[in-house]
């Protein structure tokens, strides 16, 4: 089975076929097959992807109807139609290596490795000894990784780390960071009392943008009355500054980045109290039971 290179957005060609000799083809196919078996053995519990959930040691995420994987499926099914990789293409724009080690046996399973510039081997950087004389070569090569980052089975992709997947595919439709406009709309909601001169965009790193996107998606601010949010904070012994009363009751937005993140963590329900000990805990992962 052919080995393929998935290119990043800098390349006009999405997939190249990497031709190998017969012996190398057998070695690579066996390596990918073993890694595929290891992935499915080690991560036997497959759960639908939820942005706020971190997998346990035996779990992986899945996304059904993964349209970004259609190019890979097409490459496997039409391998001879894929343009072959050449030295002129170079290795800098490869984002992943993949193959279907058991093709054409059903079901179609594509094993995917990540690829980074650290794996590139340029022979010109080394001196090679031949007949007691050192010289430089112009050969180019790369290392294969020893583990998979994802498995594509038909149109369903299984993976452990969302960030790794984002380096290969456009994942914005599955999870996007809040834009500047999203941040402005978030702070302008009637539930908040915004201090004079406060700028969300000035302090918004990716963590804040991720939290705002998750809170917007949950609809907590729009659907839960401010008083109920305040009551929940009180039950958790979480400090929540407020202003006004009655219909004018508002949550005062803190001005320090640290306190803003703590407020967003609370609104994203990252705090909970144990029913047994009444101890407050903080979670960096959650999934609906």
Protein backbone atom coordinates (compact mmCIF):
# COMPACT_ATOMS: atom_id res chain seq x y z
CA UNK A 1 0.00 0.00 0.00
CA UNK A 2 1.28 3.47 -0.85
CA UNK A 3 2.48 6.00 1.70
CA UNK A 4 1.05 9.51 1.32
CA UNK A 5 2.05 13.00 2.42
CA UNK A 6 -0.70 15.39 3.50
CA UNK A 7 0.41 18.93 2.74
CA UNK A 8 -0.39 22.14 4.58
CA UNK A 9 -2.17 25.17 3.14
CA UNK A 10 1.06 26.53 1.65
CA UNK A 11 0.96 23.79 -0.96
CA UNK A 12 -1.30 23.95 -4.00
CA UNK A 13 -1.44 20.13 -3.96
CA UNK A 14 -3.20 18.57 -0.96
CA UNK A 15 -1.81 15.01 -1.20
CA UNK A 16 1.34 13.51 -2.72
CA UNK A 17 2.11 9.82 -3.13
CA UNK A 18 5.50 8.81 -1.69
CA UNK A 19 6.96 5.98 -3.78
CA UNK A 20 9.15 3.40 -2.04
CA UNK A 21 10.92 0.24 -3.12
CA UNK A 22 9.34 -3.18 -2.41
CA UNK A 23 11.34 -3.89 0.75
CA UNK A 24 10.69 -0.45 2.22
CA UNK A 25 7.00 -0.70 1.35
CA UNK A 26 6.71 -3.89 3.39
CA UNK A 27 8.53 -2.36 6.37
CA UNK A 28 6.43 0.83 6.34
CA UNK A 29 3.16 -1.06 5.91
CA UNK A 30 3.98 -3.34 8.85
CA UNK A 31 4.93 -0.34 10.98
CA UNK A 32 1.68 1.50 10.26
CA UNK A 33 -0.34 -1.69 10.76
CA UNK A 34 1.25 -2.27 14.18
CA UNK A 35 0.65 1.33 15.19
CA UNK A 36 -2.97 1.09 14.06
CA UNK A 37 -3.47 -2.04 16.17
CA UNK A 38 -1.80 -0.36 19.15
CA UNK A 39 -4.01 2.74 18.83
CA UNK A 40 -7.21 0.70 18.78
CA UNK A 41 -6.02 -1.51 21.63
CA UNK A 42 -4.82 1.31 23.89
CA UNK A 43 -7.80 3.61 23.24
CA UNK A 44 -10.64 1.13 23.22
CA UNK A 45 -13.21 3.56 24.66
CA UNK A 46 -14.35 5.90 21.88
CA UNK A 47 -16.37 8.98 22.88
CA UNK A 48 -18.02 11.70 20.76
CA UNK A 49 -15.83 14.81 20.78
CA UNK A 50 -16.65 17.43 23.43
CA UNK A 51 -14.43 20.52 23.53
CA UNK A 52 -14.29 20.68 27.33
CA UNK A 53 -13.38 17.06 27.93
CA UNK A 54 -9.88 15.61 28.33
CA UNK A 55 -9.67 11.91 27.62
CA UNK A 56 -8.56 9.31 30.15
CA UNK A 57 -5.70 6.94 29.37
CA UNK A 58 -7.89 4.39 27.57
CA UNK A 59 -10.17 6.87 25.78
CA UNK A 60 -10.13 8.74 22.49
CA UNK A 61 -12.41 11.23 20.79
CA UNK A 62 -14.34 10.66 17.59
CA UNK A 63 -15.95 12.97 15.04
CA UNK A 64 -18.48 11.45 12.65
CA UNK A 65 -18.90 12.57 9.05
CA UNK A 66 -15.43 14.14 9.05
CA UNK A 67 -15.44 15.88 5.69
CA UNK A 68 -11.80 17.00 6.02
CA UNK A 69 -10.86 13.34 5.62
CA UNK A 70 -12.35 12.95 2.13
CA UNK A 71 -9.03 13.90 0.48
CA UNK A 72 -7.30 11.07 2.33
CA UNK A 73 -9.98 8.55 1.37
CA UNK A 74 -9.76 9.64 -2.25
CA UNK A 75 -5.96 9.31 -2.23
CA UNK A 76 -6.12 5.74 -0.88
CA UNK A 77 -8.78 4.70 -3.39
CA UNK A 78 -6.98 6.33 -6.33
CA UNK A 79 -3.34 6.02 -5.29
CA UNK A 80 -1.92 5.86 -8.81
CA UNK A 81 -3.75 9.07 -9.71
CA UNK A 82 -2.01 11.02 -6.91
CA UNK A 83 1.02 13.08 -7.99
CA UNK A 84 4.27 11.47 -6.81
CA UNK A 85 6.42 13.34 -4.31
CA UNK A 86 9.72 14.57 -5.74
CA UNK A 87 12.72 16.32 -4.28
CA UNK A 88 11.54 19.54 -5.91
CA UNK A 89 8.37 19.44 -3.77
CA UNK A 90 10.47 19.43 -0.61
CA UNK A 91 9.52 18.32 2.88
CA UNK A 92 8.83 21.62 4.61
CA UNK A 93 5.10 21.75 3.84
CA UNK A 94 4.19 18.21 4.92
CA UNK A 95 1.79 18.22 7.87
CA UNK A 96 1.09 14.46 8.12
CA UNK A 97 1.93 11.05 6.71
CA UNK A 98 -0.79 8.47 6.20
CA UNK A 99 -1.59 5.11 4.68
CA UNK A 100 -4.23 2.36 4.81
CA UNK A 101 -2.09 -0.67 5.73
CA UNK A 102 -4.82 -3.26 5.10
CA UNK A 103 -6.27 -1.76 1.91
CA UNK A 104 -8.37 -2.97 0.11
CA UNK A 105 -9.68 -5.19 2.93
CA UNK A 106 -12.76 -3.61 4.53
CA UNK A 107 -13.36 -1.61 6.58
CA UNK A 108 -11.16 1.15 5.17
CA UNK A 109 -8.92 2.36 7.99
CA UNK A 110 -6.38 5.11 7.39
CA UNK A 111 -3.55 5.46 9.90
CA UNK A 112 -2.30 9.04 10.33
CA UNK A 113 1.02 10.24 11.75
CA UNK A 114 1.94 13.85 12.40
CA UNK A 115 5.00 15.27 10.62
CA UNK A 116 7.30 18.06 11.75
CA UNK A 117 10.47 19.62 10.44
CA UNK A 118 12.41 17.82 13.17
CA UNK A 119 11.90 14.61 11.20
CA UNK A 120 13.67 15.92 8.10
CA UNK A 121 17.12 14.47 7.45
CA UNK A 122 19.30 16.53 5.12
CA UNK A 123 22.44 14.62 4.15
CA UNK A 124 24.19 17.88 3.25
CA UNK A 125 24.42 18.66 6.99
CA UNK A 126 26.69 15.68 7.57
CA UNK A 127 30.12 14.53 6.40
CA UNK A 128 30.19 11.02 4.94
CA UNK A 129 33.29 8.85 4.81
CA UNK A 130 34.10 7.17 1.52
CA UNK A 131 37.55 5.73 0.72
CA UNK A 132 39.03 7.55 3.72
CA UNK A 133 37.77 10.89 2.41
CA UNK A 134 34.86 12.83 3.91
CA UNK A 135 32.37 14.43 1.56
CA UNK A 136 28.90 15.96 1.60
CA UNK A 137 25.87 14.47 -0.15
CA UNK A 138 22.71 16.03 -1.54
CA UNK A 139 20.33 13.26 -0.42
CA UNK A 140 17.13 14.10 1.43
CA UNK A 141 15.19 11.91 3.84
CA UNK A 142 12.92 11.83 6.87
CA UNK A 143 12.05 9.77 9.92
CA UNK A 144 8.72 8.06 10.50
CA UNK A 145 7.06 8.59 13.86
CA UNK A 146 6.47 5.62 16.16
CA UNK A 147 2.82 6.36 16.96
CA UNK A 148 -0.39 7.55 15.32
CA UNK A 149 -2.26 10.74 16.11
CA UNK A 150 -5.50 9.64 14.45
CA UNK A 151 -7.33 6.85 12.65
CA UNK A 152 -9.80 7.61 9.88
CA UNK A 153 -12.36 4.84 9.38
CA UNK A 154 -14.64 5.59 6.47
CA UNK A 155 -15.83 9.12 7.41
CA UNK A 156 -15.24 8.88 11.16
CA UNK A 157 -11.99 10.09 12.68
CA UNK A 158 -10.69 8.92 16.06
CA UNK A 159 -8.03 10.95 17.86
CA UNK A 160 -6.58 11.82 21.26
CA UNK A 161 -5.42 15.41 20.93
CA UNK A 162 -7.47 18.10 19.21
CA UNK A 163 -4.48 20.42 18.87
CA UNK A 164 -2.57 17.81 16.84
CA UNK A 165 -5.56 17.48 14.53
CA UNK A 166 -5.72 21.26 14.04
CA UNK A 167 -2.16 21.20 12.71
CA UNK A 168 -3.35 18.96 9.85
CA UNK A 169 -6.98 19.85 9.19
CA UNK A 170 -9.28 22.87 9.29
CA UNK A 171 -11.13 22.21 12.56
CA UNK A 172 -12.90 25.57 12.93
CA UNK A 173 -16.32 24.06 12.32
CA UNK A 174 -15.78 21.74 15.29
CA UNK A 175 -14.25 24.27 17.65
CA UNK A 176 -13.35 27.90 17.09
CA UNK A 177 -11.79 30.54 19.31
CA UNK A 178 -13.90 33.61 20.01
CA UNK A 179 -13.23 36.46 17.58
CA UNK A 180 -12.82 40.10 18.62
CA UNK A 181 -16.44 40.64 17.67
CA UNK A 182 -17.47 37.65 19.82
CA UNK A 183 -15.58 39.14 22.78
CA UNK A 184 -17.28 42.52 22.33
CA UNK A 185 -20.73 40.97 22.09
CA UNK A 186 -20.01 38.82 25.15
CA UNK A 187 -19.04 41.69 27.44
CA UNK A 188 -21.88 43.89 26.15
CA UNK A 189 -24.53 41.47 27.41
CA UNK A 190 -26.90 42.96 29.99
CA UNK A 191 -25.71 40.50 32.64
CA UNK A 192 -22.39 42.34 32.97
CA UNK A 193 -21.34 45.65 34.52
CA UNK A 194 -18.24 46.65 32.57
CA UNK A 195 -15.73 49.00 34.27
CA UNK A 196 -14.86 52.20 32.42
CA UNK A 197 -12.03 51.65 29.94
CA UNK A 198 -12.12 47.85 30.13
CA UNK A 199 -10.93 46.18 26.91
CA UNK A 200 -11.53 42.44 26.51
CA UNK A 201 -9.44 42.21 23.34
CA UNK A 202 -6.36 43.66 25.06
CA UNK A 203 -6.15 40.81 27.56
CA UNK A 204 -7.69 38.02 25.47
CA UNK A 205 -5.25 35.17 24.90
CA UNK A 206 -6.28 31.82 23.41
CA UNK A 207 -7.39 30.52 26.82
CA UNK A 208 -9.82 33.42 27.26
CA UNK A 209 -11.04 33.16 23.67
CA UNK A 210 -11.62 29.42 24.11
CA UNK A 211 -13.61 29.96 27.30
CA UNK A 212 -15.76 32.70 25.79
CA UNK A 213 -16.53 30.46 22.80
CA UNK A 214 -17.57 27.61 25.12
CA UNK A 215 -19.73 29.88 27.30
CA UNK A 216 -21.40 31.37 24.23
CA UNK A 217 -22.10 27.88 22.96
CA UNK A 218 -23.61 26.78 26.29
CA UNK A 219 -25.99 29.78 26.40
CA UNK A 220 -25.51 30.16 30.17
CA UNK A 221 -25.46 33.97 30.16
CA UNK A 222 -28.47 34.24 27.87
CA UNK A 223 -30.60 31.56 29.49
CA UNK A 224 -29.85 31.69 33.23
CA UNK A 225 -30.96 34.71 35.33
CA UNK A 226 -28.19 36.73 37.00
CA UNK A 227 -29.62 36.01 40.45
CA UNK A 228 -29.40 32.27 39.84
CA UNK A 229 -25.77 32.66 38.72
CA UNK A 230 -25.05 34.64 41.91
CA UNK A 231 -26.74 31.98 44.05
CA UNK A 232 -24.62 29.28 42.37
CA UNK A 233 -21.45 31.28 43.08
CA UNK A 234 -22.48 31.63 46.72
CA UNK A 235 -23.09 27.87 47.03
CA UNK A 236 -19.57 27.26 45.69
CA UNK A 237 -18.03 30.00 47.88
CA UNK A 238 -16.87 31.67 44.69
CA UNK A 239 -16.38 35.43 44.98
CA UNK A 240 -18.62 37.20 42.49
CA UNK A 241 -18.79 40.99 42.58
CA UNK A 242 -22.17 42.46 41.67
CA UNK A 243 -23.85 45.82 41.20
CA UNK A 244 -27.46 47.01 41.21
CA UNK A 245 -30.47 45.07 42.41
CA UNK A 246 -33.65 43.52 41.05
CA UNK A 247 -33.93 43.85 37.28
CA UNK A 248 -30.72 45.93 37.31
CA UNK A 249 -28.64 43.26 39.06
CA UNK A 250 -25.36 42.69 37.19
CA UNK A 251 -22.09 40.80 37.45
CA UNK A 252 -19.14 43.19 37.69
CA UNK A 253 -16.46 42.24 35.20
CA UNK A 254 -13.04 42.10 36.93
CA UNK A 255 -10.20 44.03 35.34
CA UNK A 256 -7.21 41.77 35.99
CA UNK A 257 -6.51 38.98 33.51
CA UNK A 258 -6.26 36.41 36.32
CA UNK A 259 -9.66 37.31 37.77
CA UNK A 260 -11.27 37.42 34.32
CA UNK A 261 -10.06 33.86 33.70
CA UNK A 262 -11.42 32.75 37.08
CA UNK A 263 -14.82 34.26 36.27
CA UNK A 264 -14.87 32.56 32.87
CA UNK A 265 -13.91 29.25 34.49
CA UNK A 266 -16.86 29.64 36.87
CA UNK A 267 -19.28 30.51 34.06
CA UNK A 268 -18.01 27.51 32.09
CA UNK A 269 -18.83 25.35 35.12
CA UNK A 270 -15.26 24.36 35.89
CA UNK A 271 -15.96 24.52 39.64
CA UNK A 272 -18.03 21.96 41.51
CA UNK A 273 -18.72 20.95 45.11
CA UNK A 274 -18.52 17.41 46.38
CA UNK A 275 -21.83 16.21 47.77
CA UNK A 276 -20.01 14.00 50.27
CA UNK A 277 -17.50 16.43 51.79
CA UNK A 278 -18.86 19.76 50.53
CA UNK A 279 -15.35 20.48 49.27
CA UNK A 280 -15.01 22.77 46.27
CA UNK A 281 -13.02 21.33 43.40
CA UNK A 282 -11.82 22.68 40.10
CA UNK A 283 -11.93 20.56 36.96
CA UNK A 284 -10.05 21.00 33.69
CA UNK A 285 -12.18 18.36 31.98
CA UNK A 286 -15.87 17.57 31.94
CA UNK A 287 -18.31 15.51 29.97
CA UNK A 288 -22.06 15.19 30.36
CA UNK A 289 -22.95 12.02 32.23
